[in-house]
Amino acid sequence: MSSIKRFHVAKRLSDMAVYNGVAYLAGQVPDDAKLDITGQTEQVLATIDRLLAEAGTDKTKILMAQIYVANMKEFDGMNKAWDAWVADGNSPPRATVEARLANPDFKVEIVVTAAV
């Protein structure tokens, strides 16, 4: 049986867990909540890239993405960053929903699962 490897473990959560060849990322949020949704999304996607690299994988192996936006009126701004980032020919299955996020200044939070 494979062991579970956790990354950036804090008291409440880990940024990522890898088990049985799959990386499970926690919801990733922006570092700078003052940015617009495009800038926040770019920051979140850069964090996802870093975490996936730590697990030995990358965005071409994302199995599923779940995107939470605070206001669906900003959906196009999020998609602007997403479309520039997603790997050609490797667009993962994705769901996007409007949700109230933990910090009222956050405009986006993204969760991904990827093959390692």
N, C-alpha and C. Protein backbone atom coordinates (compact mmCIF):
# COMPACT_ATOMS: atom_id res chain seq x y z
N MET A 1 0.84 -1.18 0.00
CA MET A 1 0.00 0.00 0.00
C MET A 1 0.88 1.24 0.00
N SER A 2 0.52 2.22 -0.77
CA SER A 2 1.27 3.48 -0.83
C SER A 2 1.08 4.27 0.44
N SER A 3 2.10 5.04 0.78
CA SER A 3 1.95 5.93 1.93
C SER A 3 1.49 7.30 1.42
N ILE A 4 0.93 8.06 2.31
CA ILE A 4 0.47 9.40 1.99
C ILE A 4 1.61 10.37 2.28
N LYS A 5 1.91 11.23 1.31
CA LYS A 5 2.92 12.26 1.51
C LYS A 5 2.21 13.60 1.50
N ARG A 6 2.41 14.38 2.57
CA ARG A 6 1.77 15.69 2.69
C ARG A 6 2.80 16.79 2.52
N PHE A 7 2.39 17.90 1.92
CA PHE A 7 3.28 19.01 1.63
C PHE A 7 2.78 20.28 2.34
N HIS A 8 3.71 21.00 2.95
CA HIS A 8 3.39 22.27 3.61
C HIS A 8 2.27 22.08 4.63
N VAL A 9 2.54 21.23 5.59
CA VAL A 9 1.56 20.85 6.60
C VAL A 9 1.47 21.94 7.68
N ALA A 10 0.28 22.39 7.93
CA ALA A 10 -0.01 23.33 9.01
C ALA A 10 -0.98 22.65 9.97
N LYS A 11 -1.34 23.35 11.02
CA LYS A 11 -2.24 22.75 12.00
C LYS A 11 -3.60 22.40 11.40
N ARG A 12 -4.10 23.29 10.53
CA ARG A 12 -5.46 23.11 10.00
C ARG A 12 -5.50 22.31 8.70
N LEU A 13 -4.48 22.48 7.84
CA LEU A 13 -4.53 21.82 6.53
C LEU A 13 -3.14 21.70 5.93
N SER A 14 -3.05 20.88 4.91
CA SER A 14 -1.84 20.76 4.09
C SER A 14 -2.17 21.38 2.74
N ASP A 15 -1.14 21.91 2.06
CA ASP A 15 -1.37 22.45 0.73
C ASP A 15 -1.64 21.35 -0.28
N MET A 16 -1.07 20.15 0.00
CA MET A 16 -1.22 19.07 -0.99
C MET A 16 -0.93 17.74 -0.31
N ALA A 17 -1.61 16.71 -0.77
CA ALA A 17 -1.33 15.34 -0.37
C ALA A 17 -1.17 14.51 -1.65
N VAL A 18 -0.21 13.61 -1.63
CA VAL A 18 -0.01 12.71 -2.77
C VAL A 18 -0.20 11.29 -2.26
N TYR A 19 -1.04 10.55 -2.97
CA TYR A 19 -1.32 9.17 -2.60
C TYR A 19 -1.60 8.36 -3.85
N ASN A 20 -0.95 7.24 -3.95
CA ASN A 20 -1.23 6.28 -5.01
C ASN A 20 -1.17 6.93 -6.41
N GLY A 21 -0.18 7.80 -6.62
CA GLY A 21 0.02 8.40 -7.93
C GLY A 21 -0.90 9.56 -8.26
N VAL A 22 -1.57 10.11 -7.26
CA VAL A 22 -2.46 11.24 -7.48
C VAL A 22 -2.13 12.36 -6.48
N ALA A 23 -2.03 13.58 -6.98
CA ALA A 23 -1.82 14.76 -6.14
C ALA A 23 -3.15 15.46 -5.92
N TYR A 24 -3.47 15.70 -4.67
CA TYR A 24 -4.71 16.37 -4.28
C TYR A 24 -4.33 17.71 -3.67
N LEU A 25 -4.66 18.80 -4.32
CA LEU A 25 -4.33 20.12 -3.81
C LEU A 25 -5.50 20.70 -3.02
N ALA A 26 -5.16 21.38 -1.94
CA ALA A 26 -6.15 22.15 -1.21
C ALA A 26 -6.57 23.33 -2.08
N GLY A 27 -7.62 24.00 -1.70
CA GLY A 27 -8.02 25.20 -2.42
C GLY A 27 -6.91 26.24 -2.33
N GLN A 28 -6.47 26.73 -3.48
CA GLN A 28 -5.39 27.71 -3.54
C GLN A 28 -6.00 29.08 -3.76
N VAL A 29 -5.50 30.04 -2.99
CA VAL A 29 -6.00 31.41 -3.04
C VAL A 29 -4.85 32.36 -3.36
N PRO A 30 -5.15 33.59 -3.77
CA PRO A 30 -4.09 34.53 -4.16
C PRO A 30 -3.28 35.02 -2.95
N ASP A 31 -2.06 35.46 -3.23
CA ASP A 31 -1.22 36.08 -2.20
C ASP A 31 -1.62 37.54 -2.01
N ASP A 32 -2.06 38.20 -3.07
CA ASP A 32 -2.41 39.62 -3.03
C ASP A 32 -3.88 39.79 -3.35
N ALA A 33 -4.69 39.95 -2.32
CA ALA A 33 -6.14 40.06 -2.49
C ALA A 33 -6.56 41.41 -3.05
N LYS A 34 -5.63 42.32 -3.25
CA LYS A 34 -5.97 43.63 -3.81
C LYS A 34 -6.03 43.61 -5.34
N LEU A 35 -5.50 42.56 -5.95
CA LEU A 35 -5.51 42.44 -7.41
C LEU A 35 -6.93 42.19 -7.92
N ASP A 36 -7.14 42.47 -9.22
CA ASP A 36 -8.41 42.12 -9.84
C ASP A 36 -8.46 40.60 -10.03
N ILE A 37 -9.57 40.10 -10.50
CA ILE A 37 -9.72 38.64 -10.59
C ILE A 37 -8.72 38.01 -11.55
N THR A 38 -8.34 38.70 -12.61
CA THR A 38 -7.34 38.15 -13.53
C THR A 38 -6.01 38.00 -12.81
N GLY A 39 -5.59 39.04 -12.10
CA GLY A 39 -4.33 38.98 -11.36
C GLY A 39 -4.36 37.94 -10.25
N GLN A 40 -5.47 37.86 -9.54
CA GLN A 40 -5.58 36.84 -8.49
C GLN A 40 -5.52 35.44 -9.09
N THR A 41 -6.20 35.24 -10.20
CA THR A 41 -6.19 33.92 -10.85
C THR A 41 -4.77 33.56 -11.31
N GLU A 42 -4.06 34.53 -11.88
CA GLU A 42 -2.67 34.28 -12.30
C GLU A 42 -1.81 33.85 -11.12
N GLN A 43 -1.99 34.50 -9.97
CA GLN A 43 -1.22 34.12 -8.78
C GLN A 43 -1.57 32.70 -8.33
N VAL A 44 -2.85 32.38 -8.31
CA VAL A 44 -3.28 31.04 -7.89
C VAL A 44 -2.71 29.98 -8.84
N LEU A 45 -2.78 30.23 -10.13
CA LEU A 45 -2.27 29.26 -11.10
C LEU A 45 -0.76 29.08 -10.97
N ALA A 46 -0.03 30.13 -10.65
CA ALA A 46 1.42 30.02 -10.43
C ALA A 46 1.70 29.16 -9.19
N THR A 47 0.88 29.31 -8.16
CA THR A 47 1.02 28.47 -6.96
C THR A 47 0.74 27.02 -7.30
N ILE A 48 -0.29 26.78 -8.09
CA ILE A 48 -0.61 25.42 -8.51
C ILE A 48 0.56 24.83 -9.30
N ASP A 49 1.15 25.59 -10.20
CA ASP A 49 2.32 25.11 -10.95
C ASP A 49 3.44 24.69 -9.99
N ARG A 50 3.72 25.52 -8.97
CA ARG A 50 4.79 25.21 -8.02
C ARG A 50 4.49 23.94 -7.24
N LEU A 51 3.26 23.81 -6.76
CA LEU A 51 2.90 22.62 -5.98
C LEU A 51 2.97 21.36 -6.84
N LEU A 52 2.44 21.44 -8.04
CA LEU A 52 2.50 20.27 -8.92
C LEU A 52 3.94 19.87 -9.21
N ALA A 53 4.82 20.85 -9.40
CA ALA A 53 6.24 20.56 -9.64
C ALA A 53 6.85 19.86 -8.43
N GLU A 54 6.47 20.28 -7.23
CA GLU A 54 6.97 19.62 -6.01
C GLU A 54 6.56 18.15 -5.97
N ALA A 55 5.38 17.86 -6.51
CA ALA A 55 4.89 16.48 -6.53
C ALA A 55 5.45 15.68 -7.70
N GLY A 56 6.19 16.35 -8.59
CA GLY A 56 6.75 15.67 -9.75
C GLY A 56 5.79 15.56 -10.92
N THR A 57 4.90 16.51 -11.03
CA THR A 57 3.93 16.49 -12.11
C THR A 57 3.73 17.92 -12.63
N ASP A 58 2.76 18.12 -13.51
CA ASP A 58 2.52 19.47 -14.04
C ASP A 58 1.08 19.59 -14.52
N LYS A 59 0.75 20.77 -15.02
CA LYS A 59 -0.64 21.06 -15.40
C LYS A 59 -1.17 20.20 -16.54
N THR A 60 -0.31 19.57 -17.30
CA THR A 60 -0.79 18.69 -18.38
C THR A 60 -1.41 17.41 -17.82
N LYS A 61 -1.21 17.16 -16.54
CA LYS A 61 -1.72 15.93 -15.92
C LYS A 61 -2.85 16.19 -14.94
N ILE A 62 -3.44 17.39 -15.00
CA ILE A 62 -4.57 17.69 -14.12
C ILE A 62 -5.75 16.81 -14.53
N LEU A 63 -6.33 16.15 -13.54
CA LEU A 63 -7.47 15.27 -13.76
C LEU A 63 -8.80 16.00 -13.60
N MET A 64 -8.81 17.03 -12.73
CA MET A 64 -10.04 17.76 -12.44
C MET A 64 -9.69 19.08 -11.80
N ALA A 65 -10.41 20.14 -12.17
CA ALA A 65 -10.26 21.44 -11.54
C ALA A 65 -11.63 21.92 -11.07
N GLN A 66 -11.63 22.48 -9.87
CA GLN A 66 -12.84 23.08 -9.31
C GLN A 66 -12.50 24.53 -9.00
N ILE A 67 -13.25 25.44 -9.60
CA ILE A 67 -12.97 26.86 -9.46
C ILE A 67 -14.14 27.53 -8.76
N TYR A 68 -13.81 28.30 -7.73
CA TYR A 68 -14.80 29.05 -6.99
C TYR A 68 -14.53 30.53 -7.22
N VAL A 69 -15.53 31.25 -7.70
CA VAL A 69 -15.39 32.69 -7.89
C VAL A 69 -16.41 33.38 -6.99
N ALA A 70 -16.00 34.51 -6.44
CA ALA A 70 -16.86 35.24 -5.52
C ALA A 70 -18.03 35.91 -6.24
N ASN A 71 -17.82 36.23 -7.52
CA ASN A 71 -18.86 36.94 -8.27
C ASN A 71 -18.80 36.48 -9.73
N MET A 72 -19.85 35.82 -10.19
CA MET A 72 -19.85 35.30 -11.56
C MET A 72 -19.79 36.41 -12.61
N LYS A 73 -20.02 37.64 -12.22
CA LYS A 73 -19.86 38.75 -13.16
C LYS A 73 -18.39 38.90 -13.55
N GLU A 74 -17.48 38.32 -12.78
CA GLU A 74 -16.05 38.39 -13.07
C GLU A 74 -15.52 37.11 -13.73
N PHE A 75 -16.44 36.25 -14.14
CA PHE A 75 -16.10 34.97 -14.78
C PHE A 75 -15.15 35.16 -15.97
N ASP A 76 -15.41 36.15 -16.81
CA ASP A 76 -14.57 36.37 -17.99
C ASP A 76 -13.14 36.74 -17.60
N GLY A 77 -12.96 37.51 -16.55
CA GLY A 77 -11.63 37.87 -16.09
C GLY A 77 -10.85 36.67 -15.59
N MET A 78 -11.53 35.77 -14.88
CA MET A 78 -10.89 34.54 -14.43
C MET A 78 -10.50 33.71 -15.64
N ASN A 79 -11.43 33.57 -16.60
CA ASN A 79 -11.15 32.77 -17.80
C ASN A 79 -10.00 33.34 -18.63
N LYS A 80 -9.81 34.64 -18.60
CA LYS A 80 -8.70 35.25 -19.33
C LYS A 80 -7.37 34.67 -18.83
N ALA A 81 -7.21 34.62 -17.52
CA ALA A 81 -5.98 34.04 -16.95
C ALA A 81 -5.93 32.54 -17.18
N TRP A 82 -7.04 31.86 -16.98
CA TRP A 82 -7.09 30.40 -17.16
C TRP A 82 -6.72 30.02 -18.59
N ASP A 83 -7.33 30.68 -19.57
CA ASP A 83 -7.10 30.34 -20.97
C ASP A 83 -5.64 30.55 -21.38
N ALA A 84 -5.00 31.56 -20.82
CA ALA A 84 -3.58 31.81 -21.11
C ALA A 84 -2.69 30.76 -20.45
N TRP A 85 -3.15 30.14 -19.39
CA TRP A 85 -2.36 29.19 -18.60
C TRP A 85 -2.55 27.74 -19.01
N VAL A 86 -3.76 27.35 -19.31
CA VAL A 86 -4.05 25.93 -19.55
C VAL A 86 -3.25 25.42 -20.75
N ALA A 87 -2.75 24.20 -20.64
CA ALA A 87 -1.90 23.62 -21.69
C ALA A 87 -2.75 23.21 -22.89
N ASP A 88 -2.34 23.65 -24.08
CA ASP A 88 -3.05 23.28 -25.31
C ASP A 88 -3.23 21.77 -25.39
N GLY A 89 -4.44 21.36 -25.69
CA GLY A 89 -4.74 19.94 -25.84
C GLY A 89 -4.87 19.19 -24.53
N ASN A 90 -4.72 19.88 -23.41
CA ASN A 90 -4.79 19.23 -22.10
C ASN A 90 -5.76 19.94 -21.15
N SER A 91 -6.79 20.56 -21.71
CA SER A 91 -7.78 21.22 -20.85
C SER A 91 -8.45 20.16 -19.98
N PRO A 92 -8.36 20.32 -18.66
CA PRO A 92 -8.95 19.30 -17.79
C PRO A 92 -10.45 19.47 -17.63
N PRO A 93 -11.14 18.44 -17.17
CA PRO A 93 -12.52 18.62 -16.76
C PRO A 93 -12.54 19.72 -15.68
N ARG A 94 -13.57 20.54 -15.70
CA ARG A 94 -13.57 21.69 -14.80
C ARG A 94 -15.00 22.06 -14.43
N ALA A 95 -15.16 22.52 -13.20
CA ALA A 95 -16.43 23.09 -12.75
C ALA A 95 -16.12 24.47 -12.17
N THR A 96 -16.99 25.42 -12.43
CA THR A 96 -16.84 26.76 -11.87
C THR A 96 -18.16 27.14 -11.22
N VAL A 97 -18.07 27.55 -9.95
CA VAL A 97 -19.27 27.94 -9.21
C VAL A 97 -19.02 29.25 -8.49
N GLU A 98 -20.09 29.96 -8.24
CA GLU A 98 -20.00 31.18 -7.43
C GLU A 98 -20.12 30.77 -5.96
N ALA A 99 -19.24 31.32 -5.13
CA ALA A 99 -19.26 30.98 -3.71
C ALA A 99 -18.71 32.13 -2.89
N ARG A 100 -19.17 32.26 -1.68
CA ARG A 100 -18.60 33.22 -0.75
C ARG A 100 -17.31 32.59 -0.23
N LEU A 101 -16.19 33.27 -0.41
CA LEU A 101 -14.88 32.73 -0.04
C LEU A 101 -14.52 33.16 1.38
N ALA A 102 -13.54 32.48 1.98
CA ALA A 102 -13.18 32.70 3.37
C ALA A 102 -12.75 34.13 3.66
N ASN A 103 -12.04 34.75 2.73
CA ASN A 103 -11.63 36.14 2.85
C ASN A 103 -12.49 36.94 1.88
N PRO A 104 -13.20 37.95 2.33
CA PRO A 104 -14.08 38.68 1.42
C PRO A 104 -13.35 39.41 0.30
N ASP A 105 -12.02 39.56 0.41
CA ASP A 105 -11.25 40.19 -0.66
C ASP A 105 -10.78 39.19 -1.72
N PHE A 106 -10.88 37.90 -1.42
CA PHE A 106 -10.53 36.90 -2.42
C PHE A 106 -11.61 36.86 -3.48
N LYS A 107 -11.19 36.79 -4.73
CA LYS A 107 -12.12 36.71 -5.85
C LYS A 107 -12.18 35.32 -6.46
N VAL A 108 -11.15 34.48 -6.15
CA VAL A 108 -11.06 33.16 -6.76
C VAL A 108 -10.32 32.19 -5.85
N GLU A 109 -10.73 30.94 -5.89
CA GLU A 109 -10.05 29.84 -5.22
C GLU A 109 -10.13 28.65 -6.16
N ILE A 110 -9.01 27.92 -6.30
CA ILE A 110 -8.97 26.82 -7.26
C ILE A 110 -8.44 25.57 -6.57
N VAL A 111 -9.12 24.45 -6.81
CA VAL A 111 -8.73 23.13 -6.31
C VAL A 111 -8.44 22.25 -7.51
N VAL A 112 -7.30 21.56 -7.51
CA VAL A 112 -7.03 20.61 -8.60
C VAL A 112 -6.58 19.27 -8.05
N THR A 113 -6.81 18.27 -8.85
CA THR A 113 -6.33 16.91 -8.62
C THR A 113 -5.56 16.55 -9.87
N ALA A 114 -4.37 15.96 -9.69
CA ALA A 114 -3.52 15.65 -10.86
C ALA A 114 -2.85 14.29 -10.71
N ALA A 115 -2.64 13.64 -11.84
CA ALA A 115 -1.85 12.41 -11.86
C ALA A 115 -0.39 12.77 -11.65
N VAL A 116 0.33 11.89 -10.96
CA VAL A 116 1.76 12.11 -10.72
C VAL A 116 2.54 11.15 -11.60
